[in-house]
C-alpha atoms as a PDB file:
ATOM      1  CA  MET A   1      12.788   5.079 -28.001  1.00  0.00           C
ATOM      2  CA  GLU A   2      12.454   6.965 -24.759  1.00  0.00           C
ATOM      3  CA  VAL A   3       9.202   6.832 -22.773  1.00  0.00           C
ATOM      4  CA  PRO A   4       7.878  10.244 -21.749  1.00  0.00           C
ATOM      5  CA  VAL A   5       7.971  10.857 -18.005  1.00  0.00           C
ATOM      6  CA  LYS A   6       4.269  11.762 -17.992  1.00  0.00           C
ATOM      7  CA  ASP A   7       3.443   8.285 -19.315  1.00  0.00           C
ATOM      8  CA  ILE A   8       5.501   6.747 -16.525  1.00  0.00           C
ATOM      9  CA  ALA A   9       3.681   8.914 -13.973  1.00  0.00           C
ATOM     10  CA  ILE A  10       0.327   7.714 -15.306  1.00  0.00           C
ATOM     11  CA  ALA A  11       1.498   4.104 -15.086  1.00  0.00           C
ATOM     12  CA  VAL A  12       2.669   4.685 -11.509  1.00  0.00           C
ATOM     13  CA  ILE A  13      -0.730   6.145 -10.620  1.00  0.00           C
ATOM     14  CA  GLY A  14      -2.480   3.073 -11.998  1.00  0.00           C
ATOM     15  CA  GLY A  15      -0.082   0.607 -10.440  1.00  0.00           C
ATOM     16  CA  ALA A  16      -0.022   2.215  -7.010  1.00  0.00           C
ATOM     17  CA  ALA A  17      -3.815   2.628  -6.979  1.00  0.00           C
ATOM     18  CA  GLY A  18      -4.241  -1.041  -7.901  1.00  0.00           C
ATOM     19  CA  ILE A  19      -1.882  -2.173  -5.157  1.00  0.00           C
ATOM     20  CA  ALA A  20      -3.642   0.115  -2.665  1.00  0.00           C
ATOM     21  CA  ALA A  21      -6.976  -1.467  -3.614  1.00  0.00           C
ATOM     22  CA  ILE A  22      -5.567  -4.964  -3.125  1.00  0.00           C
ATOM     23  CA  LEU A  23      -4.172  -3.924   0.256  1.00  0.00           C
ATOM     24  CA  LEU A  24      -7.465  -2.414   1.339  1.00  0.00           C
ATOM     25  CA  VAL A  25      -9.349  -5.606   0.483  1.00  0.00           C
ATOM     26  CA  PHE A  26      -6.724  -7.722   2.212  1.00  0.00           C
ATOM     27  CA  VAL A  27      -6.746  -5.592   5.372  1.00  0.00           C
ATOM     28  CA  ALA A  28     -10.550  -5.731   5.425  1.00  0.00           C
ATOM     29  CA  PHE A  29     -10.331  -9.521   5.110  1.00  0.00           C
ATOM     30  CA  VAL A  30      -7.998  -9.726   8.118  1.00  0.00           C
ATOM     31  CA  VAL A  31     -10.277  -7.440  10.156  1.00  0.00           C
ATOM     32  CA  GLY A  32     -13.276  -9.576   9.184  1.00  0.00           C
ATOM     33  CA  ARG A  33     -11.399 -12.680  10.181  1.00  0.00           C
ATOM     34  CA  ALA A  34     -10.665 -11.203  13.605  1.00  0.00           C
ATOM     35  CA  ASP A  35     -14.316 -10.230  14.065  1.00  0.00           C
ATOM     36  CA  SER A  36     -15.528 -13.703  13.103  1.00  0.00           C
ATOM     37  CA  LEU A  37     -13.450 -15.512  15.716  1.00  0.00           C
ATOM     38  CA  PRO A  38     -15.526 -17.105  18.469  1.00  0.00           C
ATOM     39  CA  ASP A  39     -15.850 -15.392  21.834  1.00  0.00           C
ATOM     40  CA  THR A  40     -13.771 -18.159  23.394  1.00  0.00           C
ATOM     41  CA  THR A  41     -10.735 -17.158  21.326  1.00  0.00           C
ATOM     42  CA  PRO A  42      -7.888 -15.916  23.521  1.00  0.00           C
ATOM     43  CA  ASP A  43      -7.213 -12.180  23.452  1.00  0.00           C
ATOM     44  CA  LYS A  44      -3.669 -12.903  22.256  1.00  0.00           C
ATOM     45  CA  VAL A  45      -4.979 -14.355  18.983  1.00  0.00           C
ATOM     46  CA  ILE A  46      -7.431 -11.522  18.421  1.00  0.00           C
ATOM     47  CA  LYS A  47      -4.696  -8.943  19.099  1.00  0.00           C
ATOM     48  CA  LYS A  48      -2.473 -10.709  16.562  1.00  0.00           C
ATOM     49  CA  TYR A  49      -5.079 -10.254  13.827  1.00  0.00           C
ATOM     50  CA  THR A  50      -5.702  -6.667  14.877  1.00  0.00           C
ATOM     51  CA  ARG A  51      -1.978  -5.882  14.831  1.00  0.00           C
ATOM     52  CA  ILE A  52      -1.631  -7.407  11.362  1.00  0.00           C
ATOM     53  CA  ALA A  53      -4.582  -5.376  10.070  1.00  0.00           C
ATOM     54  CA  LYS A  54      -3.252  -2.129  11.526  1.00  0.00           C
ATOM     55  CA  ALA A  55       0.193  -2.776  10.061  1.00  0.00           C
ATOM     56  CA  GLY A  56      -1.412  -3.065   6.627  1.00  0.00           C
ATOM     57  CA  PHE A  57      -2.242   0.615   6.674  1.00  0.00           C
ATOM     58  CA  VAL A  58       1.456   1.528   6.459  1.00  0.00           C
ATOM     59  CA  PRO A  59       2.006   0.142   2.917  1.00  0.00           C
ATOM     60  CA  LEU A  60      -1.515   1.284   1.995  1.00  0.00           C
ATOM     61  CA  LEU A  61      -0.684   4.839   3.011  1.00  0.00           C
ATOM     62  CA  ALA A  62       2.627   4.648   1.116  1.00  0.00           C
ATOM     63  CA  GLN A  63       0.785   3.660  -2.076  1.00  0.00           C
ATOM     64  CA  VAL A  64      -1.798   6.418  -1.643  1.00  0.00           C
ATOM     65  CA  LEU A  65       0.936   9.009  -1.107  1.00  0.00           C
ATOM     66  CA  THR A  66       2.679   7.755  -4.236  1.00  0.00           C
ATOM     67  CA  VAL A  67      -0.538   8.161  -6.233  1.00  0.00           C
ATOM     68  CA  PHE A  68      -1.013  11.638  -4.834  1.00  0.00           C
ATOM     69  CA  ALA A  69       2.569  12.707  -5.616  1.00  0.00           C
ATOM     70  CA  ALA A  70       2.417  11.383  -9.196  1.00  0.00           C
ATOM     71  CA  TYR A  71      -0.991  12.940  -9.797  1.00  0.00           C
ATOM     72  CA  TRP A  72       0.037  16.314  -8.407  1.00  0.00           C
ATOM     73  CA  TRP A  73       3.278  16.177 -10.403  1.00  0.00           C
ATOM     74  CA  LEU A  74       1.206  15.987 -13.614  1.00  0.00           C
ATOM     75  CA  PHE A  75      -0.006  19.510 -12.788  1.00  0.00           C
ATOM     76  CA  ARG A  76       3.414  20.741 -11.652  1.00  0.00           C
ATOM     77  CA  PRO A  77       5.982  18.898 -13.786  1.00  0.00           C
ATOM     78  CA  SER A  78       8.686  21.391 -12.818  1.00  0.00           C
ATOM     79  CA  SER A  79       8.595  20.196  -9.174  1.00  0.00           C
ATOM     80  CA  CYS A  80      11.674  18.094  -8.466  1.00  0.00           C
ATOM     81  CA  THR A  81      10.301  17.173  -5.045  1.00  0.00           C
ATOM     82  CA  LEU A  82       7.104  15.639  -6.418  1.00  0.00           C
ATOM     83  CA  LEU A  83       9.076  13.845  -9.123  1.00  0.00           C
ATOM     84  CA  ALA A  84      11.405  12.328  -6.544  1.00  0.00           C
ATOM     85  CA  LEU A  85       8.471  11.369  -4.296  1.00  0.00           C
ATOM     86  CA  TRP A  86       6.735   9.233  -6.899  1.00  0.00           C
ATOM     87  CA  LYS A  87       9.871   8.124  -8.742  1.00  0.00           C
ATOM     88  CA  TYR A  88      11.489   6.666  -5.627  1.00  0.00           C
ATOM     89  CA  GLY A  89       8.321   6.281  -3.600  1.00  0.00           C
ATOM     90  CA  PHE A  90       6.769   3.698  -5.898  1.00  0.00           C
ATOM     91  CA  PRO A  91       9.552   1.098  -5.627  1.00  0.00           C
ATOM     92  CA  ILE A  92       9.810   1.682  -1.875  1.00  0.00           C
ATOM     93  CA  ALA A  93       6.037   1.338  -1.444  1.00  0.00           C
ATOM     94  CA  LEU A  94       6.067  -1.760  -3.645  1.00  0.00           C
ATOM     95  CA  LEU A  95       8.782  -3.275  -1.473  1.00  0.00           C
ATOM     96  CA  GLY A  96       6.721  -2.423   1.605  1.00  0.00           C
ATOM     97  CA  PHE A  97       3.730  -4.190   0.055  1.00  0.00           C
ATOM     98  CA  LEU A  98       5.790  -7.296  -0.699  1.00  0.00           C
ATOM     99  CA  LEU A  99       7.296  -7.371   2.805  1.00  0.00           C
ATOM    100  CA  TYR A 100       3.871  -6.940   4.383  1.00  0.00           C
ATOM    101  CA  ALA A 101       2.372  -9.722   2.259  1.00  0.00           C
ATOM    102  CA  ALA A 102       5.232 -12.075   3.096  1.00  0.00           C
ATOM    103  CA  TRP A 103       4.964 -11.208   6.801  1.00  0.00           C
ATOM    104  CA  VAL A 104       1.220 -11.849   6.855  1.00  0.00           C
ATOM    105  CA  PHE A 105       1.507 -15.174   5.070  1.00  0.00           C
ATOM    106  CA  TRP A 106       4.330 -16.184   7.398  1.00  0.00           C
ATOM    107  CA  ILE A 107       2.353 -15.325  10.543  1.00  0.00           C
ATOM    108  CA  LEU A 108      -1.059 -16.566   9.441  1.00  0.00           C
END
């Protein structure tokens, strides 16, 4: 049995939105951690946390763009560009999320 492409698009919207929410919470946690460091903390350490938080917006933006492309494709299913954006964008954004998470856990 073949799954309709619209059902896959809806699943991609849910999955990408969920990952984006997790990323947003995680980035906010890192920013909060940087803000809670004592004033005696060296600038190098604070910049490390800030850099990590800023880098988190790259996979977050990728997930949001994937959601947008899949959602817009539901209204324009004839668009090959939108189909390609969410079809290939989701695995790429997911890989970006996994690489970011591994990088953060490695550094922190």
